[in-house]
Amino acid sequence: MSLLYTYKNPPASAEDITTAMQQCAIKPDAWITGFWAQCDGAMIEDLVQIYSTDAIAERQETYEIAAYFPDHLLIGDDSGGRFVLLERSGKQRFYLQDSGDPFIDDAAFFSSIDALIKAVVDEL
């Protein structure tokens, strides 16, 4: 599946990426850092939003991600009440988690962001 970007921001600066990494304790090899180097936030398939460097820390705090999903980073949402989470381990593992469900074991697991987005699109 070739992803259709509804909008795609310009790449983030190295300084903005470093700041976001420090604020959210993101590892340098995390998927999101590579994404930001290409675009600093995007809406994909008019459904899945990937957060920008200037929004990610606020989203972690607002949704209390450290309390409920300490091993994960909230990187986006599906515009329908579900979180897009990435493992903090550095592995490329993505989760689609209902925002009202505090148990990560209930989340759908994907080995790529493309697979996660395809699943969201296929639900329509």
N, C-alpha and C. Protein backbone atom coordinates (compact mmCIF):
# COMPACT_ATOMS: atom_id res chain seq x y z
N MET A 1 0.85 -1.18 0.00
CA MET A 1 0.00 0.00 0.00
C MET A 1 0.90 1.24 0.00
N SER A 2 0.67 2.09 -0.93
CA SER A 2 1.38 3.37 -0.97
C SER A 2 0.58 4.38 -0.16
N LEU A 3 1.21 4.99 0.82
CA LEU A 3 0.51 5.90 1.72
C LEU A 3 0.23 7.24 1.05
N LEU A 4 -0.97 7.75 1.28
CA LEU A 4 -1.37 9.06 0.78
C LEU A 4 -1.31 10.04 1.94
N TYR A 5 -0.48 11.04 1.80
CA TYR A 5 -0.36 12.06 2.83
C TYR A 5 -1.38 13.15 2.58
N THR A 6 -2.31 13.35 3.52
CA THR A 6 -3.27 14.44 3.44
C THR A 6 -2.53 15.75 3.58
N TYR A 7 -1.63 15.81 4.54
CA TYR A 7 -0.67 16.91 4.63
C TYR A 7 0.61 16.36 5.24
N LYS A 8 1.70 17.01 4.91
CA LYS A 8 3.02 16.58 5.36
C LYS A 8 3.83 17.83 5.61
N ASN A 9 4.23 18.04 6.86
CA ASN A 9 5.04 19.22 7.20
C ASN A 9 6.46 19.06 6.68
N PRO A 10 7.17 20.16 6.53
CA PRO A 10 8.59 20.08 6.16
C PRO A 10 9.38 19.33 7.25
N PRO A 11 10.58 18.87 6.94
CA PRO A 11 11.39 18.17 7.94
C PRO A 11 11.65 19.03 9.17
N ALA A 12 11.76 18.37 10.31
CA ALA A 12 12.11 19.06 11.56
C ALA A 12 13.60 19.38 11.55
N SER A 13 13.96 20.42 12.25
CA SER A 13 15.38 20.74 12.39
C SER A 13 16.02 19.75 13.37
N ALA A 14 17.32 19.61 13.27
CA ALA A 14 18.05 18.73 14.20
C ALA A 14 17.83 19.20 15.64
N GLU A 15 17.77 20.50 15.83
CA GLU A 15 17.55 21.05 17.17
C GLU A 15 16.17 20.67 17.70
N ASP A 16 15.13 20.77 16.85
CA ASP A 16 13.78 20.40 17.28
C ASP A 16 13.68 18.91 17.60
N ILE A 17 14.33 18.08 16.81
CA ILE A 17 14.33 16.64 17.07
C ILE A 17 15.03 16.34 18.39
N THR A 18 16.17 16.96 18.61
CA THR A 18 16.92 16.75 19.86
C THR A 18 16.11 17.20 21.06
N THR A 19 15.44 18.33 20.96
CA THR A 19 14.60 18.83 22.06
C THR A 19 13.49 17.84 22.37
N ALA A 20 12.79 17.36 21.35
CA ALA A 20 11.70 16.40 21.55
C ALA A 20 12.23 15.10 22.16
N MET A 21 13.40 14.66 21.70
CA MET A 21 14.00 13.44 22.24
C MET A 21 14.31 13.61 23.73
N GLN A 22 14.82 14.76 24.11
CA GLN A 22 15.15 15.01 25.52
C GLN A 22 13.88 15.12 26.36
N GLN A 23 12.87 15.82 25.86
CA GLN A 23 11.62 16.01 26.61
C GLN A 23 10.90 14.69 26.86
N CYS A 24 10.97 13.79 25.90
CA CYS A 24 10.19 12.55 25.98
C CYS A 24 11.04 11.29 26.17
N ALA A 25 12.33 11.46 26.42
CA ALA A 25 13.26 10.33 26.60
C ALA A 25 13.17 9.35 25.43
N ILE A 26 13.29 9.89 24.23
CA ILE A 26 13.23 9.08 23.01
C ILE A 26 14.65 8.67 22.62
N LYS A 27 14.82 7.40 22.29
CA LYS A 27 16.12 6.90 21.85
C LYS A 27 16.43 7.42 20.45
N PRO A 28 17.72 7.65 20.17
CA PRO A 28 18.11 8.18 18.86
C PRO A 28 17.68 7.31 17.67
N ASP A 29 17.61 5.99 17.88
CA ASP A 29 17.26 5.10 16.77
C ASP A 29 15.76 4.80 16.68
N ALA A 30 14.94 5.52 17.43
CA ALA A 30 13.49 5.30 17.40
C ALA A 30 12.93 5.68 16.03
N TRP A 31 11.92 4.97 15.59
CA TRP A 31 11.28 5.22 14.29
C TRP A 31 10.89 6.69 14.14
N ILE A 32 10.36 7.28 15.19
CA ILE A 32 9.83 8.64 15.10
C ILE A 32 10.92 9.66 14.75
N THR A 33 12.14 9.45 15.19
CA THR A 33 13.20 10.42 14.87
C THR A 33 13.50 10.43 13.37
N GLY A 34 13.49 9.28 12.75
CA GLY A 34 13.67 9.21 11.30
C GLY A 34 12.51 9.84 10.55
N PHE A 35 11.31 9.64 11.08
CA PHE A 35 10.12 10.25 10.46
C PHE A 35 10.23 11.76 10.51
N TRP A 36 10.59 12.30 11.68
CA TRP A 36 10.71 13.76 11.81
C TRP A 36 11.78 14.33 10.90
N ALA A 37 12.83 13.57 10.63
CA ALA A 37 13.87 14.04 9.72
C ALA A 37 13.32 14.20 8.30
N GLN A 38 12.23 13.48 8.00
CA GLN A 38 11.58 13.58 6.69
C GLN A 38 10.43 14.57 6.70
N CYS A 39 9.67 14.57 7.79
CA CYS A 39 8.56 15.52 7.93
C CYS A 39 8.21 15.66 9.41
N ASP A 40 7.99 16.87 9.82
CA ASP A 40 7.71 17.17 11.23
C ASP A 40 6.21 17.12 11.49
N GLY A 41 5.67 15.91 11.43
CA GLY A 41 4.24 15.71 11.63
C GLY A 41 3.52 15.59 10.30
N ALA A 42 2.46 14.78 10.31
CA ALA A 42 1.70 14.56 9.08
C ALA A 42 0.33 13.98 9.39
N MET A 43 -0.57 14.13 8.43
CA MET A 43 -1.86 13.43 8.43
C MET A 43 -1.78 12.48 7.25
N ILE A 44 -2.02 11.20 7.51
CA ILE A 44 -1.88 10.17 6.49
C ILE A 44 -3.24 9.52 6.24
N GLU A 45 -3.59 9.41 4.95
CA GLU A 45 -4.86 8.81 4.53
C GLU A 45 -6.06 9.52 5.15
N ASP A 46 -5.91 10.76 5.51
CA ASP A 46 -6.97 11.58 6.10
C ASP A 46 -7.50 10.97 7.40
N LEU A 47 -6.71 10.09 8.02
CA LEU A 47 -7.14 9.39 9.23
C LEU A 47 -6.10 9.38 10.34
N VAL A 48 -4.87 9.04 10.01
CA VAL A 48 -3.83 8.84 11.02
C VAL A 48 -2.93 10.07 11.08
N GLN A 49 -2.88 10.67 12.26
CA GLN A 49 -2.01 11.82 12.47
C GLN A 49 -0.77 11.35 13.22
N ILE A 50 0.40 11.74 12.71
CA ILE A 50 1.66 11.52 13.41
C ILE A 50 2.09 12.88 13.94
N TYR A 51 2.32 12.95 15.25
CA TYR A 51 2.58 14.23 15.91
C TYR A 51 3.93 14.83 15.54
N SER A 52 3.97 16.14 15.58
CA SER A 52 5.19 16.90 15.31
C SER A 52 6.06 16.97 16.57
N THR A 53 7.28 17.44 16.38
CA THR A 53 8.22 17.58 17.50
C THR A 53 7.69 18.54 18.56
N ASP A 54 6.94 19.56 18.14
CA ASP A 54 6.46 20.53 19.12
C ASP A 54 5.16 20.11 19.80
N ALA A 55 4.55 19.01 19.37
CA ALA A 55 3.29 18.56 19.98
C ALA A 55 3.45 17.29 20.82
N ILE A 56 4.50 16.53 20.58
CA ILE A 56 4.59 15.20 21.18
C ILE A 56 4.69 15.21 22.71
N ALA A 57 5.45 16.11 23.28
CA ALA A 57 5.60 16.15 24.74
C ALA A 57 4.27 16.48 25.41
N GLU A 58 3.55 17.42 24.85
CA GLU A 58 2.25 17.80 25.41
C GLU A 58 1.27 16.63 25.36
N ARG A 59 1.30 15.86 24.28
CA ARG A 59 0.39 14.71 24.15
C ARG A 59 0.72 13.63 25.19
N GLN A 60 2.01 13.41 25.47
CA GLN A 60 2.40 12.43 26.49
C GLN A 60 1.80 12.82 27.84
N GLU A 61 1.89 14.10 28.14
CA GLU A 61 1.41 14.62 29.42
C GLU A 61 -0.12 14.61 29.49
N THR A 62 -0.77 15.12 28.46
CA THR A 62 -2.23 15.20 28.45
C THR A 62 -2.87 13.84 28.65
N TYR A 63 -2.35 12.83 27.97
CA TYR A 63 -2.95 11.49 28.03
C TYR A 63 -2.28 10.59 29.07
N GLU A 64 -1.40 11.15 29.90
CA GLU A 64 -0.75 10.42 30.99
C GLU A 64 -0.12 9.10 30.51
N ILE A 65 0.57 9.18 29.40
CA ILE A 65 1.17 7.99 28.80
C ILE A 65 2.19 7.34 29.74
N ALA A 66 2.98 8.12 30.44
CA ALA A 66 3.98 7.57 31.36
C ALA A 66 3.34 6.72 32.46
N ALA A 67 2.15 7.09 32.89
CA ALA A 67 1.46 6.35 33.94
C ALA A 67 0.82 5.06 33.42
N TYR A 68 0.21 5.13 32.24
CA TYR A 68 -0.54 3.99 31.73
C TYR A 68 0.26 3.09 30.78
N PHE A 69 1.16 3.68 30.03
CA PHE A 69 1.95 2.92 29.05
C PHE A 69 3.43 3.33 29.15
N PRO A 70 4.08 3.06 30.28
CA PRO A 70 5.44 3.57 30.50
C PRO A 70 6.48 3.06 29.50
N ASP A 71 6.23 1.93 28.87
CA ASP A 71 7.18 1.37 27.91
C ASP A 71 6.90 1.80 26.47
N HIS A 72 5.98 2.76 26.32
CA HIS A 72 5.55 3.18 25.00
C HIS A 72 5.55 4.70 24.87
N LEU A 73 5.60 5.14 23.63
CA LEU A 73 5.58 6.56 23.30
C LEU A 73 4.36 6.81 22.42
N LEU A 74 3.55 7.77 22.78
CA LEU A 74 2.40 8.16 21.96
C LEU A 74 2.92 9.00 20.80
N ILE A 75 2.78 8.48 19.57
CA ILE A 75 3.31 9.20 18.41
C ILE A 75 2.20 9.75 17.51
N GLY A 76 0.95 9.35 17.77
CA GLY A 76 -0.14 9.83 16.92
C GLY A 76 -1.47 9.27 17.34
N ASP A 77 -2.47 9.48 16.48
CA ASP A 77 -3.81 8.95 16.73
C ASP A 77 -4.50 8.67 15.41
N ASP A 78 -5.64 7.96 15.50
CA ASP A 78 -6.36 7.58 14.28
C ASP A 78 -7.57 8.46 14.00
N SER A 79 -7.67 9.59 14.65
CA SER A 79 -8.79 10.53 14.48
C SER A 79 -10.12 9.91 14.88
N GLY A 80 -10.06 8.82 15.64
CA GLY A 80 -11.28 8.14 16.03
C GLY A 80 -11.23 7.59 17.45
N GLY A 81 -10.37 8.14 18.28
CA GLY A 81 -10.32 7.71 19.67
C GLY A 81 -9.30 6.65 20.00
N ARG A 82 -8.39 6.39 19.07
CA ARG A 82 -7.35 5.40 19.34
C ARG A 82 -5.97 6.04 19.22
N PHE A 83 -5.08 5.60 20.10
CA PHE A 83 -3.70 6.06 20.12
C PHE A 83 -2.86 5.23 19.14
N VAL A 84 -1.84 5.85 18.59
CA VAL A 84 -0.78 5.14 17.87
C VAL A 84 0.43 5.21 18.80
N LEU A 85 0.83 4.05 19.31
CA LEU A 85 1.93 3.96 20.26
C LEU A 85 3.11 3.23 19.63
N LEU A 86 4.31 3.62 20.04
CA LEU A 86 5.55 3.01 19.59
C LEU A 86 6.29 2.52 20.82
N GLU A 87 6.86 1.31 20.73
CA GLU A 87 7.65 0.80 21.86
C GLU A 87 8.86 1.69 22.09
N ARG A 88 9.17 1.94 23.35
CA ARG A 88 10.35 2.74 23.71
C ARG A 88 11.64 1.94 23.57
N SER A 89 11.55 0.65 23.43
CA SER A 89 12.73 -0.22 23.38
C SER A 89 13.63 0.07 22.19
N GLY A 90 13.11 0.78 21.22
CA GLY A 90 13.86 1.03 20.00
C GLY A 90 13.45 0.09 18.88
N LYS A 91 12.69 -0.95 19.22
CA LYS A 91 12.19 -1.86 18.20
C LYS A 91 11.06 -1.18 17.44
N GLN A 92 10.93 -1.53 16.18
CA GLN A 92 9.87 -0.95 15.36
C GLN A 92 8.59 -1.75 15.57
N ARG A 93 7.92 -1.46 16.69
CA ARG A 93 6.66 -2.11 17.03
C ARG A 93 5.63 -1.03 17.32
N PHE A 94 4.54 -1.09 16.60
CA PHE A 94 3.49 -0.08 16.69
C PHE A 94 2.22 -0.71 17.24
N TYR A 95 1.48 0.07 18.01
CA TYR A 95 0.25 -0.41 18.63
C TYR A 95 -0.87 0.58 18.36
N LEU A 96 -2.05 0.04 18.09
CA LEU A 96 -3.26 0.83 17.95
C LEU A 96 -4.11 0.51 19.18
N GLN A 97 -4.24 1.49 20.05
CA GLN A 97 -4.81 1.28 21.38
C GLN A 97 -5.99 2.21 21.60
N ASP A 98 -7.12 1.66 22.02
CA ASP A 98 -8.27 2.50 22.37
C ASP A 98 -7.87 3.43 23.51
N SER A 99 -8.18 4.70 23.36
CA SER A 99 -7.72 5.68 24.36
C SER A 99 -8.35 5.48 25.73
N GLY A 100 -9.43 4.74 25.83
CA GLY A 100 -10.06 4.48 27.12
C GLY A 100 -9.65 3.17 27.76
N ASP A 101 -8.76 2.45 27.12
CA ASP A 101 -8.33 1.13 27.60
C ASP A 101 -6.90 1.23 28.14
N PRO A 102 -6.71 1.02 29.45
CA PRO A 102 -5.38 1.17 30.04
C PRO A 102 -4.48 -0.07 29.92
N PHE A 103 -4.90 -1.09 29.17
CA PHE A 103 -4.14 -2.34 29.09
C PHE A 103 -3.55 -2.52 27.69
N ILE A 104 -2.24 -2.44 27.59
CA ILE A 104 -1.56 -2.54 26.30
C ILE A 104 -1.78 -3.91 25.65
N ASP A 105 -2.05 -4.93 26.45
CA ASP A 105 -2.30 -6.26 25.89
C ASP A 105 -3.57 -6.30 25.04
N ASP A 106 -4.44 -5.31 25.19
CA ASP A 106 -5.67 -5.24 24.40
C ASP A 106 -5.45 -4.55 23.05
N ALA A 107 -4.28 -3.97 22.85
CA ALA A 107 -3.99 -3.22 21.63
C ALA A 107 -3.73 -4.15 20.45
N ALA A 108 -3.99 -3.63 19.25
CA ALA A 108 -3.60 -4.33 18.03
C ALA A 108 -2.13 -4.00 17.77
N PHE A 109 -1.35 -5.01 17.42
CA PHE A 109 0.09 -4.87 17.22
C PHE A 109 0.42 -4.90 15.73
N PHE A 110 1.37 -4.05 15.32
CA PHE A 110 1.79 -3.99 13.92
C PHE A 110 3.31 -3.87 13.86
N SER A 111 3.91 -4.49 12.86
CA SER A 111 5.36 -4.43 12.70
C SER A 111 5.82 -3.24 11.87
N SER A 112 4.86 -2.49 11.33
CA SER A 112 5.22 -1.28 10.58
C SER A 112 4.08 -0.27 10.68
N ILE A 113 4.42 0.99 10.47
CA ILE A 113 3.39 2.02 10.48
C ILE A 113 2.49 1.85 9.26
N ASP A 114 3.03 1.38 8.15
CA ASP A 114 2.23 1.14 6.95
C ASP A 114 1.12 0.11 7.23
N ALA A 115 1.47 -0.97 7.93
CA ALA A 115 0.49 -2.00 8.26
C ALA A 115 -0.59 -1.45 9.19
N LEU A 116 -0.20 -0.64 10.15
CA LEU A 116 -1.17 -0.02 11.06
C LEU A 116 -2.13 0.88 10.28
N ILE A 117 -1.60 1.71 9.42
CA ILE A 117 -2.44 2.63 8.64
C ILE A 117 -3.36 1.84 7.71
N LYS A 118 -2.85 0.80 7.08
CA LYS A 118 -3.68 -0.04 6.22
C LYS A 118 -4.85 -0.63 7.00
N ALA A 119 -4.60 -1.09 8.22
CA ALA A 119 -5.67 -1.66 9.05
C ALA A 119 -6.73 -0.61 9.37
N VAL A 120 -6.31 0.61 9.67
CA VAL A 120 -7.26 1.69 9.95
C VAL A 120 -8.09 2.00 8.71
N VAL A 121 -7.45 2.10 7.56
CA VAL A 121 -8.15 2.40 6.30
C VAL A 121 -9.12 1.27 5.96
N ASP A 122 -8.70 0.02 6.14
CA ASP A 122 -9.54 -1.13 5.81
C ASP A 122 -10.78 -1.23 6.67
N GLU A 123 -10.79 -0.58 7.82
CA GLU A 123 -11.97 -0.60 8.69
C GLU A 123 -13.12 0.23 8.13
N LEU A 124 -12.81 1.11 7.21
CA LEU A 124 -13.85 1.99 6.66
C LEU A 124 -14.79 1.25 5.75
